[in-house]
N, C-alpha and C. Protein backbone atom coordinates (compact mmCIF):
# COMPACT_ATOMS: atom_id res chain seq x y z
N GLY A 1 -115.16 90.41 98.11
CA GLY A 1 -114.52 91.71 97.78
C GLY A 1 -115.37 92.91 98.09
N ASN A 2 -115.48 93.82 97.18
CA ASN A 2 -116.29 95.03 97.33
C ASN A 2 -117.72 94.86 97.51
N ARG A 3 -118.23 93.63 97.05
CA ARG A 3 -119.71 93.46 97.17
C ARG A 3 -120.24 93.39 98.55
N ILE A 4 -119.31 92.95 99.46
CA ILE A 4 -119.72 92.84 100.91
C ILE A 4 -120.20 94.20 101.46
N ARG A 5 -119.77 95.36 100.84
CA ARG A 5 -120.17 96.60 101.37
C ARG A 5 -121.75 96.78 101.08
N TYR A 6 -122.26 96.13 100.17
CA TYR A 6 -123.79 96.23 99.82
C TYR A 6 -124.53 95.21 100.61
N VAL A 7 -123.97 94.24 101.23
CA VAL A 7 -124.59 93.24 101.99
C VAL A 7 -124.74 93.62 103.36
N LEU A 8 -123.62 94.11 103.96
CA LEU A 8 -123.63 94.43 105.36
C LEU A 8 -124.10 95.94 105.43
N LYS A 9 -125.35 96.15 105.68
CA LYS A 9 -126.01 97.44 105.84
C LYS A 9 -127.09 97.42 106.92
N PRO A 10 -127.48 98.58 107.33
CA PRO A 10 -128.50 98.73 108.31
C PRO A 10 -129.81 98.06 107.86
N PRO A 11 -130.66 97.59 108.83
CA PRO A 11 -131.96 96.96 108.42
C PRO A 11 -132.76 97.87 107.53
N ASP A 12 -132.64 99.21 107.68
CA ASP A 12 -133.45 100.07 106.94
C ASP A 12 -132.87 100.42 105.47
N ASN A 13 -131.72 99.78 105.19
CA ASN A 13 -131.02 99.97 103.91
C ASN A 13 -130.58 101.35 103.71
N SER A 14 -130.36 102.14 104.79
CA SER A 14 -130.11 103.58 104.68
C SER A 14 -128.62 103.86 104.19
N ALA A 15 -127.76 102.93 104.26
CA ALA A 15 -126.42 103.27 103.92
C ALA A 15 -125.65 101.95 103.60
N ILE A 16 -124.56 102.14 102.87
CA ILE A 16 -123.57 101.02 102.69
C ILE A 16 -122.30 101.34 103.38
N LEU A 17 -121.44 100.37 103.61
CA LEU A 17 -120.20 100.66 104.23
C LEU A 17 -119.35 101.49 103.29
N ARG A 18 -118.60 102.43 103.78
CA ARG A 18 -117.90 103.39 102.92
C ARG A 18 -116.62 102.75 102.33
N SER A 19 -116.23 101.67 102.84
CA SER A 19 -115.04 100.98 102.37
C SER A 19 -115.01 99.49 102.74
N THR A 20 -113.95 98.82 102.32
CA THR A 20 -113.79 97.44 102.74
C THR A 20 -112.94 97.36 103.96
N LEU A 21 -112.57 98.50 104.54
CA LEU A 21 -111.75 98.52 105.69
C LEU A 21 -112.64 98.76 106.87
N PHE A 22 -113.00 97.51 107.66
CA PHE A 22 -113.88 97.54 108.70
C PHE A 22 -113.53 96.39 109.67
N ASN A 23 -114.15 96.52 110.85
CA ASN A 23 -113.97 95.45 111.79
C ASN A 23 -115.45 94.89 112.10
N ILE A 24 -115.53 93.69 112.45
CA ILE A 24 -116.79 93.05 112.90
C ILE A 24 -116.69 92.66 114.30
N PHE A 25 -117.64 92.92 115.11
CA PHE A 25 -117.67 92.64 116.52
C PHE A 25 -118.98 91.82 116.83
N THR A 26 -118.91 90.88 117.76
CA THR A 26 -120.09 90.15 118.12
C THR A 26 -120.14 90.26 119.71
N ASP A 27 -121.32 90.04 120.20
CA ASP A 27 -121.50 90.10 121.70
C ASP A 27 -122.14 88.75 122.14
N ASP A 28 -122.35 88.58 123.40
CA ASP A 28 -122.88 87.37 123.86
C ASP A 28 -124.31 87.01 123.51
N GLU A 29 -125.01 88.09 123.02
CA GLU A 29 -126.34 87.90 122.64
C GLU A 29 -126.51 87.71 121.09
N LYS A 30 -125.36 87.39 120.45
CA LYS A 30 -125.30 87.13 119.03
C LYS A 30 -125.64 88.34 118.07
N ASN A 31 -125.44 89.49 118.69
CA ASN A 31 -125.54 90.74 117.94
C ASN A 31 -124.28 90.99 117.11
N VAL A 32 -124.33 91.45 115.94
CA VAL A 32 -123.21 91.78 115.13
C VAL A 32 -123.10 93.23 114.87
N THR A 33 -121.92 93.86 115.10
CA THR A 33 -121.74 95.26 114.82
C THR A 33 -120.59 95.34 113.78
N VAL A 34 -120.72 96.13 112.83
CA VAL A 34 -119.72 96.41 111.83
C VAL A 34 -119.33 97.82 111.94
N LYS A 35 -117.99 98.11 112.21
CA LYS A 35 -117.58 99.46 112.35
C LYS A 35 -116.50 99.79 111.21
N GLY A 36 -116.89 100.70 110.36
CA GLY A 36 -116.02 101.10 109.30
C GLY A 36 -114.97 101.99 109.81
N LYS A 37 -113.83 102.05 109.09
CA LYS A 37 -112.63 102.78 109.44
C LYS A 37 -112.35 103.84 108.40
N GLY A 38 -113.43 104.49 107.88
CA GLY A 38 -113.14 105.53 106.86
C GLY A 38 -113.47 105.07 105.42
N TYR A 39 -112.84 105.76 104.53
CA TYR A 39 -113.03 105.50 103.15
C TYR A 39 -111.87 104.67 102.66
N GLY A 40 -112.08 103.92 101.45
CA GLY A 40 -110.96 103.22 100.87
C GLY A 40 -110.47 101.95 101.62
N HIS A 41 -109.21 101.61 101.41
CA HIS A 41 -108.74 100.33 101.81
C HIS A 41 -107.73 100.52 102.93
N GLY A 42 -107.41 101.74 103.28
CA GLY A 42 -106.51 102.00 104.30
C GLY A 42 -104.98 102.00 103.88
N VAL A 43 -104.69 101.96 102.57
CA VAL A 43 -103.30 101.93 102.09
C VAL A 43 -102.77 103.35 102.05
N GLY A 44 -103.63 104.30 101.68
CA GLY A 44 -103.09 105.78 101.67
C GLY A 44 -103.27 106.52 100.42
N LEU A 45 -103.74 105.85 99.28
CA LEU A 45 -103.89 106.59 98.03
C LEU A 45 -105.39 106.78 97.82
N CYS A 46 -105.79 108.08 97.74
CA CYS A 46 -107.17 108.39 97.53
C CYS A 46 -107.41 108.35 96.07
N GLN A 47 -108.29 107.53 95.57
CA GLN A 47 -108.57 107.38 94.10
C GLN A 47 -109.17 108.72 93.56
N TRP A 48 -110.05 109.34 94.31
CA TRP A 48 -110.60 110.58 93.77
C TRP A 48 -109.44 111.68 93.70
N GLY A 49 -108.67 111.78 94.75
CA GLY A 49 -107.57 112.70 94.70
C GLY A 49 -106.65 112.48 93.49
N ALA A 50 -106.32 111.14 93.35
CA ALA A 50 -105.35 110.83 92.26
C ALA A 50 -105.93 111.15 90.92
N LEU A 51 -107.26 110.98 90.78
CA LEU A 51 -108.00 111.29 89.54
C LEU A 51 -107.89 112.81 89.26
N HIS A 52 -108.16 113.63 90.34
CA HIS A 52 -108.13 114.98 90.20
C HIS A 52 -106.69 115.57 89.83
N LEU A 53 -105.65 114.92 90.48
CA LEU A 53 -104.25 115.41 90.15
C LEU A 53 -103.95 114.98 88.68
N SER A 54 -104.51 113.84 88.27
CA SER A 54 -104.26 113.37 86.88
C SER A 54 -105.00 114.38 85.86
N SER A 55 -106.15 114.84 86.26
CA SER A 55 -106.93 115.69 85.39
C SER A 55 -106.19 117.01 85.24
N GLU A 56 -105.42 117.42 86.31
CA GLU A 56 -104.56 118.65 86.30
C GLU A 56 -103.26 118.45 85.52
N GLY A 57 -103.03 117.27 84.94
CA GLY A 57 -101.87 117.00 84.17
C GLY A 57 -100.77 116.29 84.88
N LYS A 58 -100.89 116.05 86.16
CA LYS A 58 -99.81 115.40 86.90
C LYS A 58 -99.67 113.93 86.46
N ASP A 59 -98.38 113.48 86.38
CA ASP A 59 -98.17 112.11 85.99
C ASP A 59 -98.21 111.22 87.13
N PHE A 60 -98.05 109.95 86.82
CA PHE A 60 -98.09 108.84 87.93
C PHE A 60 -96.98 108.97 88.92
N LYS A 61 -95.86 109.47 88.44
CA LYS A 61 -94.66 109.61 89.37
C LYS A 61 -95.01 110.67 90.39
N TYR A 62 -95.61 111.81 89.96
CA TYR A 62 -95.91 112.86 90.80
C TYR A 62 -97.04 112.42 91.79
N ILE A 63 -98.02 111.72 91.29
CA ILE A 63 -99.16 111.36 92.17
C ILE A 63 -98.58 110.25 93.29
N LEU A 64 -97.88 109.38 92.80
CA LEU A 64 -97.27 108.40 93.86
C LEU A 64 -96.36 109.09 94.78
N SER A 65 -95.59 110.04 94.38
CA SER A 65 -94.75 110.73 95.44
C SER A 65 -95.53 111.57 96.32
N PHE A 66 -96.73 112.12 95.90
CA PHE A 66 -97.56 112.97 96.71
C PHE A 66 -98.24 112.03 97.79
N TYR A 67 -98.67 110.85 97.48
CA TYR A 67 -99.30 110.05 98.45
C TYR A 67 -98.37 109.17 99.25
N PHE A 68 -97.18 108.88 98.74
CA PHE A 68 -96.20 108.06 99.41
C PHE A 68 -94.83 108.76 99.44
N PRO A 69 -94.76 109.94 100.17
CA PRO A 69 -93.50 110.67 100.16
C PRO A 69 -92.40 109.85 100.70
N GLY A 70 -91.17 110.07 100.10
CA GLY A 70 -89.98 109.32 100.57
C GLY A 70 -89.79 107.98 99.88
N THR A 71 -90.74 107.55 98.99
CA THR A 71 -90.55 106.33 98.28
C THR A 71 -89.85 106.63 96.98
N GLU A 72 -89.20 105.55 96.49
CA GLU A 72 -88.46 105.72 95.29
C GLU A 72 -88.93 104.73 94.19
N LEU A 73 -89.21 105.22 93.03
CA LEU A 73 -89.60 104.33 91.90
C LEU A 73 -88.39 103.92 91.13
N MET A 74 -88.28 102.63 90.80
CA MET A 74 -87.21 102.06 90.02
C MET A 74 -87.66 101.02 89.08
N GLU A 75 -86.93 100.81 88.09
CA GLU A 75 -87.22 99.79 87.10
C GLU A 75 -86.51 98.55 87.58
N LEU A 76 -87.25 97.40 87.57
CA LEU A 76 -86.76 96.15 87.97
C LEU A 76 -86.42 95.37 86.62
N ARG A 77 -85.31 94.75 86.61
CA ARG A 77 -84.96 94.04 85.42
C ARG A 77 -84.78 92.49 85.74
């Protein structure tokens, strides 16, 4: 899971991967390159943004509609 971000890092330990959304490439010389694709998991909800909206008093329905416009919440029975 998330611990891989701390294992895959440059030899000088200068940084960790920003997210678990990344690709791994190898070449003929057995070199490995890890390329991150931004922050988060790629689904579309920013945890920090959601926390901020929550701190402003927005409820979960508002937050979900903000990040996933056009979706509908419904109760399943």
